[in-house]
Amino acid sequence: MPLGAAEVMPLLENAVNRYRLVRLLRTLSSEIYVIWDGDRRVGQVDLHYADTSVQANLFLEAPLDDDEQQELLAQLDDDVVSSYLPSFEREQFIITVFVGQEVDSFNYPSTSDEVGEN
């Protein structure tokens, strides 16, 4: 079930950011980040910006408890989304959370090094 911005709040005051966000891709209207907790990959978030709204798909590799999830969502809002579109200027910030595992990764077209590996 998607969470609205009001459900992500209240923001954690005076908290040190627990998660490290590593940007993989940025376009004019979207960004992709890998999320780390220390040396453990927590997941990935795909953000899409459209006028006065932001849509996020958060893919977690393992479930987080409610407090951890709220902390991560607040950090994403503070560190990434608000730098693009502050909360007072946007109509909505919709976040859909998925839990699963990465099964495989594909690269098309394959590089010459990958051809002989299969």
N, C-alpha and C. Protein backbone atom coordinates (compact mmCIF):
# COMPACT_ATOMS: atom_id res chain seq x y z
N MET A 1 0.83 -1.17 0.00
CA MET A 1 0.00 0.00 0.00
C MET A 1 0.89 1.24 0.00
N PRO A 2 0.70 2.17 -0.90
CA PRO A 2 1.54 3.37 -0.96
C PRO A 2 1.39 4.21 0.30
N LEU A 3 2.51 4.81 0.71
CA LEU A 3 2.51 5.69 1.86
C LEU A 3 2.55 7.13 1.39
N GLY A 4 1.75 7.98 1.96
CA GLY A 4 1.79 9.41 1.65
C GLY A 4 2.84 10.10 2.48
N ALA A 5 3.18 11.32 2.10
CA ALA A 5 4.22 12.07 2.80
C ALA A 5 3.86 12.26 4.27
N ALA A 6 2.58 12.45 4.58
CA ALA A 6 2.17 12.65 5.96
C ALA A 6 2.47 11.43 6.82
N GLU A 7 2.45 10.24 6.22
CA GLU A 7 2.73 9.03 6.96
C GLU A 7 4.23 8.83 7.19
N VAL A 8 5.05 9.46 6.39
CA VAL A 8 6.50 9.36 6.55
C VAL A 8 6.95 10.20 7.73
N MET A 9 6.23 11.24 8.02
CA MET A 9 6.58 12.16 9.08
C MET A 9 6.01 11.66 10.40
N PRO A 10 6.49 12.04 11.55
CA PRO A 10 7.38 13.16 11.73
C PRO A 10 8.83 12.79 11.41
N LEU A 11 9.58 13.76 10.93
CA LEU A 11 10.99 13.53 10.62
C LEU A 11 11.76 13.32 11.91
N LEU A 12 12.80 12.54 11.82
CA LEU A 12 13.62 12.29 12.99
C LEU A 12 14.50 13.51 13.24
N GLU A 13 14.32 14.13 14.39
CA GLU A 13 15.07 15.33 14.71
C GLU A 13 16.44 14.95 15.27
N ASN A 14 17.46 15.70 14.85
CA ASN A 14 18.83 15.53 15.33
C ASN A 14 19.36 14.11 15.13
N ALA A 15 18.85 13.40 14.16
CA ALA A 15 19.31 12.04 13.91
C ALA A 15 20.46 12.07 12.92
N VAL A 16 21.42 11.18 13.12
CA VAL A 16 22.51 11.01 12.17
C VAL A 16 21.99 10.04 11.11
N ASN A 17 22.27 10.32 9.85
CA ASN A 17 21.79 9.45 8.79
C ASN A 17 22.39 8.06 8.93
N ARG A 18 21.52 7.10 9.03
CA ARG A 18 21.94 5.71 9.19
C ARG A 18 22.30 5.10 7.85
N TYR A 19 21.57 5.46 6.82
CA TYR A 19 21.71 4.82 5.52
C TYR A 19 22.57 5.65 4.58
N ARG A 20 23.36 4.95 3.77
CA ARG A 20 24.17 5.62 2.74
C ARG A 20 23.46 5.41 1.41
N LEU A 21 23.22 6.50 0.72
CA LEU A 21 22.51 6.47 -0.56
C LEU A 21 23.51 6.72 -1.68
N VAL A 22 23.64 5.76 -2.60
CA VAL A 22 24.59 5.86 -3.70
C VAL A 22 23.79 5.96 -4.99
N ARG A 23 23.91 7.11 -5.64
CA ARG A 23 23.14 7.33 -6.88
C ARG A 23 23.77 6.54 -8.02
N LEU A 24 22.92 5.76 -8.72
CA LEU A 24 23.34 5.02 -9.90
C LEU A 24 23.04 5.77 -11.17
N LEU A 25 21.92 6.52 -11.18
CA LEU A 25 21.46 7.15 -12.40
C LEU A 25 20.66 8.39 -12.06
N ARG A 26 20.80 9.41 -12.90
CA ARG A 26 20.00 10.62 -12.75
C ARG A 26 19.63 11.13 -14.13
N THR A 27 18.35 11.39 -14.33
CA THR A 27 17.87 12.01 -15.56
C THR A 27 17.17 13.30 -15.16
N LEU A 28 16.57 13.98 -16.12
CA LEU A 28 15.84 15.20 -15.80
C LEU A 28 14.62 14.93 -14.92
N SER A 29 14.08 13.72 -14.98
CA SER A 29 12.84 13.45 -14.24
C SER A 29 12.90 12.21 -13.34
N SER A 30 14.09 11.62 -13.14
CA SER A 30 14.15 10.45 -12.28
C SER A 30 15.56 10.23 -11.73
N GLU A 31 15.62 9.41 -10.69
CA GLU A 31 16.89 9.03 -10.07
C GLU A 31 16.76 7.61 -9.55
N ILE A 32 17.91 6.90 -9.49
CA ILE A 32 17.96 5.57 -8.91
C ILE A 32 19.10 5.57 -7.90
N TYR A 33 18.82 5.08 -6.69
CA TYR A 33 19.81 4.98 -5.62
C TYR A 33 19.86 3.56 -5.09
N VAL A 34 21.07 3.09 -4.75
CA VAL A 34 21.25 1.87 -3.98
C VAL A 34 21.39 2.32 -2.53
N ILE A 35 20.76 1.59 -1.63
CA ILE A 35 20.72 1.96 -0.21
C ILE A 35 21.57 0.97 0.57
N TRP A 36 22.49 1.51 1.39
CA TRP A 36 23.41 0.71 2.20
C TRP A 36 23.22 1.02 3.67
N ASP A 37 23.34 -0.01 4.50
CA ASP A 37 23.41 0.14 5.96
C ASP A 37 24.74 -0.49 6.36
N GLY A 38 25.76 0.34 6.53
CA GLY A 38 27.11 -0.18 6.72
C GLY A 38 27.56 -0.85 5.44
N ASP A 39 27.98 -2.12 5.54
CA ASP A 39 28.41 -2.85 4.33
C ASP A 39 27.32 -3.77 3.79
N ARG A 40 26.11 -3.65 4.33
CA ARG A 40 24.97 -4.47 3.88
C ARG A 40 24.08 -3.66 2.94
N ARG A 41 23.87 -4.22 1.74
CA ARG A 41 22.96 -3.57 0.79
C ARG A 41 21.52 -3.82 1.26
N VAL A 42 20.81 -2.72 1.51
CA VAL A 42 19.43 -2.79 2.01
C VAL A 42 18.45 -2.89 0.86
N GLY A 43 18.72 -2.15 -0.22
CA GLY A 43 17.79 -2.17 -1.34
C GLY A 43 18.09 -1.09 -2.35
N GLN A 44 17.06 -0.70 -3.08
CA GLN A 44 17.17 0.29 -4.14
C GLN A 44 15.89 1.10 -4.19
N VAL A 45 16.01 2.37 -4.53
CA VAL A 45 14.83 3.22 -4.71
C VAL A 45 14.90 3.88 -6.07
N ASP A 46 13.79 3.83 -6.78
CA ASP A 46 13.62 4.51 -8.06
C ASP A 46 12.66 5.66 -7.84
N LEU A 47 13.12 6.87 -8.10
CA LEU A 47 12.32 8.09 -7.90
C LEU A 47 11.95 8.69 -9.24
N HIS A 48 10.71 9.12 -9.36
CA HIS A 48 10.22 9.74 -10.59
C HIS A 48 9.54 11.05 -10.23
N TYR A 49 9.99 12.14 -10.87
CA TYR A 49 9.51 13.49 -10.58
C TYR A 49 8.59 13.95 -11.71
N ALA A 50 7.41 14.46 -11.34
CA ALA A 50 6.46 14.95 -12.33
C ALA A 50 5.77 16.19 -11.77
N ASP A 51 6.13 17.33 -12.30
CA ASP A 51 5.53 18.60 -11.87
C ASP A 51 5.55 18.75 -10.36
N THR A 52 4.39 18.64 -9.70
CA THR A 52 4.33 18.86 -8.25
C THR A 52 4.16 17.58 -7.45
N SER A 53 4.51 16.44 -8.05
CA SER A 53 4.41 15.18 -7.31
C SER A 53 5.66 14.33 -7.55
N VAL A 54 5.88 13.43 -6.61
CA VAL A 54 7.01 12.51 -6.68
C VAL A 54 6.48 11.11 -6.41
N GLN A 55 6.90 10.16 -7.24
CA GLN A 55 6.54 8.75 -7.09
C GLN A 55 7.82 7.98 -6.82
N ALA A 56 7.82 7.13 -5.80
CA ALA A 56 8.99 6.32 -5.48
C ALA A 56 8.60 4.86 -5.38
N ASN A 57 9.45 4.01 -5.93
CA ASN A 57 9.34 2.56 -5.74
C ASN A 57 10.57 2.15 -4.94
N LEU A 58 10.34 1.64 -3.74
CA LEU A 58 11.40 1.23 -2.84
C LEU A 58 11.44 -0.29 -2.81
N PHE A 59 12.57 -0.86 -3.20
CA PHE A 59 12.75 -2.31 -3.24
C PHE A 59 13.71 -2.70 -2.12
N LEU A 60 13.21 -3.36 -1.09
CA LEU A 60 14.04 -3.79 0.04
C LEU A 60 14.44 -5.24 -0.15
N GLU A 61 15.68 -5.57 0.19
CA GLU A 61 16.15 -6.95 0.05
C GLU A 61 15.74 -7.80 1.23
N ALA A 62 15.37 -7.18 2.33
CA ALA A 62 14.85 -7.87 3.52
C ALA A 62 13.93 -6.88 4.22
N PRO A 63 12.92 -7.38 4.90
CA PRO A 63 11.99 -6.45 5.57
C PRO A 63 12.71 -5.62 6.64
N LEU A 64 12.29 -4.38 6.77
CA LEU A 64 12.73 -3.52 7.87
C LEU A 64 11.58 -3.43 8.86
N ASP A 65 11.91 -3.25 10.16
CA ASP A 65 10.81 -3.04 11.09
C ASP A 65 10.24 -1.64 10.85
N ASP A 66 9.10 -1.34 11.45
CA ASP A 66 8.40 -0.08 11.17
C ASP A 66 9.27 1.14 11.43
N ASP A 67 10.02 1.14 12.54
CA ASP A 67 10.87 2.29 12.86
C ASP A 67 11.99 2.46 11.84
N GLU A 68 12.61 1.35 11.43
CA GLU A 68 13.68 1.43 10.42
C GLU A 68 13.13 1.92 9.09
N GLN A 69 11.95 1.44 8.71
CA GLN A 69 11.36 1.86 7.45
C GLN A 69 11.02 3.35 7.49
N GLN A 70 10.45 3.83 8.58
CA GLN A 70 10.12 5.24 8.71
C GLN A 70 11.39 6.11 8.68
N GLU A 71 12.45 5.62 9.32
CA GLU A 71 13.73 6.33 9.30
C GLU A 71 14.28 6.44 7.88
N LEU A 72 14.22 5.35 7.13
CA LEU A 72 14.70 5.35 5.75
C LEU A 72 13.86 6.28 4.88
N LEU A 73 12.54 6.22 5.01
CA LEU A 73 11.67 7.08 4.20
C LEU A 73 11.89 8.55 4.53
N ALA A 74 12.08 8.87 5.80
CA ALA A 74 12.36 10.25 6.18
C ALA A 74 13.69 10.71 5.62
N GLN A 75 14.70 9.84 5.65
CA GLN A 75 16.01 10.21 5.09
C GLN A 75 15.93 10.42 3.59
N LEU A 76 15.21 9.56 2.89
CA LEU A 76 15.02 9.75 1.45
C LEU A 76 14.35 11.10 1.16
N ASP A 77 13.34 11.43 1.95
CA ASP A 77 12.65 12.71 1.76
C ASP A 77 13.59 13.87 2.03
N ASP A 78 14.31 13.82 3.14
CA ASP A 78 15.21 14.92 3.52
C ASP A 78 16.39 15.07 2.56
N ASP A 79 17.05 13.97 2.26
CA ASP A 79 18.33 14.02 1.54
C ASP A 79 18.18 14.08 0.02
N VAL A 80 17.11 13.54 -0.52
CA VAL A 80 16.99 13.44 -1.97
C VAL A 80 15.78 14.21 -2.49
N VAL A 81 14.61 13.82 -2.08
CA VAL A 81 13.38 14.36 -2.67
C VAL A 81 13.24 15.85 -2.38
N SER A 82 13.48 16.28 -1.15
CA SER A 82 13.31 17.70 -0.81
C SER A 82 14.32 18.60 -1.52
N SER A 83 15.45 18.04 -1.93
CA SER A 83 16.41 18.86 -2.69
C SER A 83 15.89 19.12 -4.10
N TYR A 84 15.04 18.23 -4.60
CA TYR A 84 14.44 18.41 -5.91
C TYR A 84 13.14 19.22 -5.82
N LEU A 85 12.29 18.85 -4.86
CA LEU A 85 10.98 19.47 -4.73
C LEU A 85 10.62 19.51 -3.24
N PRO A 86 10.85 20.64 -2.57
CA PRO A 86 10.56 20.75 -1.13
C PRO A 86 9.12 20.41 -0.82
N SER A 87 8.89 19.89 0.39
CA SER A 87 7.55 19.41 0.76
C SER A 87 6.49 20.50 0.66
N PHE A 88 6.86 21.77 0.91
CA PHE A 88 5.86 22.84 0.83
C PHE A 88 5.50 23.20 -0.61
N GLU A 89 6.26 22.70 -1.60
CA GLU A 89 5.97 22.98 -3.01
C GLU A 89 5.33 21.80 -3.74
N ARG A 90 5.29 20.65 -3.11
CA ARG A 90 4.75 19.48 -3.81
C ARG A 90 3.37 19.11 -3.27
N GLU A 91 2.59 18.53 -4.17
CA GLU A 91 1.25 18.09 -3.81
C GLU A 91 1.26 16.71 -3.16
N GLN A 92 2.16 15.84 -3.62
CA GLN A 92 2.20 14.50 -3.05
C GLN A 92 3.56 13.85 -3.24
N PHE A 93 3.86 12.94 -2.33
CA PHE A 93 5.04 12.09 -2.40
C PHE A 93 4.53 10.69 -2.11
N ILE A 94 4.40 9.87 -3.14
CA ILE A 94 3.84 8.53 -3.02
C ILE A 94 4.99 7.53 -3.06
N ILE A 95 5.02 6.67 -2.05
CA ILE A 95 6.08 5.66 -1.93
C ILE A 95 5.42 4.28 -1.89
N THR A 96 5.85 3.40 -2.77
CA THR A 96 5.40 2.01 -2.75
C THR A 96 6.60 1.16 -2.36
N VAL A 97 6.42 0.31 -1.35
CA VAL A 97 7.52 -0.49 -0.81
C VAL A 97 7.32 -1.94 -1.21
N PHE A 98 8.38 -2.53 -1.76
CA PHE A 98 8.40 -3.95 -2.13
C PHE A 98 9.51 -4.63 -1.34
N VAL A 99 9.33 -5.91 -1.00
CA VAL A 99 10.37 -6.69 -0.35
C VAL A 99 10.62 -7.91 -1.23
N GLY A 100 11.88 -8.16 -1.54
CA GLY A 100 12.23 -9.30 -2.39
C GLY A 100 13.74 -9.41 -2.52
N GLN A 101 14.16 -10.15 -3.49
CA GLN A 101 15.59 -10.33 -3.71
C GLN A 101 15.92 -10.15 -5.18
N GLU A 102 17.16 -9.73 -5.43
CA GLU A 102 17.63 -9.63 -6.81
C GLU A 102 17.88 -11.03 -7.33
N VAL A 103 17.30 -11.34 -8.46
CA VAL A 103 17.46 -12.67 -9.05
C VAL A 103 18.57 -12.67 -10.08
N ASP A 104 18.65 -11.63 -10.88
CA ASP A 104 19.65 -11.57 -11.93
C ASP A 104 19.75 -10.13 -12.43
N SER A 105 20.78 -9.86 -13.17
CA SER A 105 20.97 -8.54 -13.78
C SER A 105 21.40 -8.77 -15.22
N PHE A 106 20.83 -8.01 -16.13
CA PHE A 106 21.13 -8.17 -17.55
C PHE A 106 21.69 -6.89 -18.12
N ASN A 107 22.53 -7.02 -19.13
CA ASN A 107 23.12 -5.88 -19.82
C ASN A 107 22.99 -6.14 -21.32
N TYR A 108 22.27 -5.29 -22.01
CA TYR A 108 22.10 -5.44 -23.45
C TYR A 108 22.65 -4.23 -24.16
N PRO A 109 23.42 -4.35 -25.19
CA PRO A 109 23.98 -5.61 -25.68
C PRO A 109 25.11 -6.07 -24.78
N SER A 110 25.39 -7.35 -24.80
CA SER A 110 26.48 -7.91 -23.99
C SER A 110 27.80 -7.38 -24.49
N THR A 111 28.73 -7.18 -23.56
CA THR A 111 30.08 -6.77 -23.95
C THR A 111 30.85 -8.00 -24.42
N SER A 112 31.93 -7.80 -25.12
CA SER A 112 32.70 -8.93 -25.67
C SER A 112 33.24 -9.81 -24.54
N ASP A 113 33.51 -9.24 -23.35
CA ASP A 113 34.01 -10.03 -22.22
C ASP A 113 32.94 -10.98 -21.69
N GLU A 114 31.68 -10.61 -21.79
CA GLU A 114 30.59 -11.41 -21.25
C GLU A 114 30.18 -12.56 -22.16
N VAL A 115 30.51 -12.50 -23.43
CA VAL A 115 30.05 -13.50 -24.40
C VAL A 115 30.56 -14.89 -24.02
N GLY A 116 31.81 -15.02 -23.62
CA GLY A 116 32.38 -16.32 -23.31
C GLY A 116 32.12 -16.79 -21.91
N GLU A 117 31.51 -16.00 -21.05
CA GLU A 117 31.30 -16.36 -19.66
C GLU A 117 30.14 -17.31 -19.44
N ASN A 118 29.19 -17.39 -20.36
CA ASN A 118 28.01 -18.24 -20.15
C ASN A 118 28.33 -19.61 -20.53
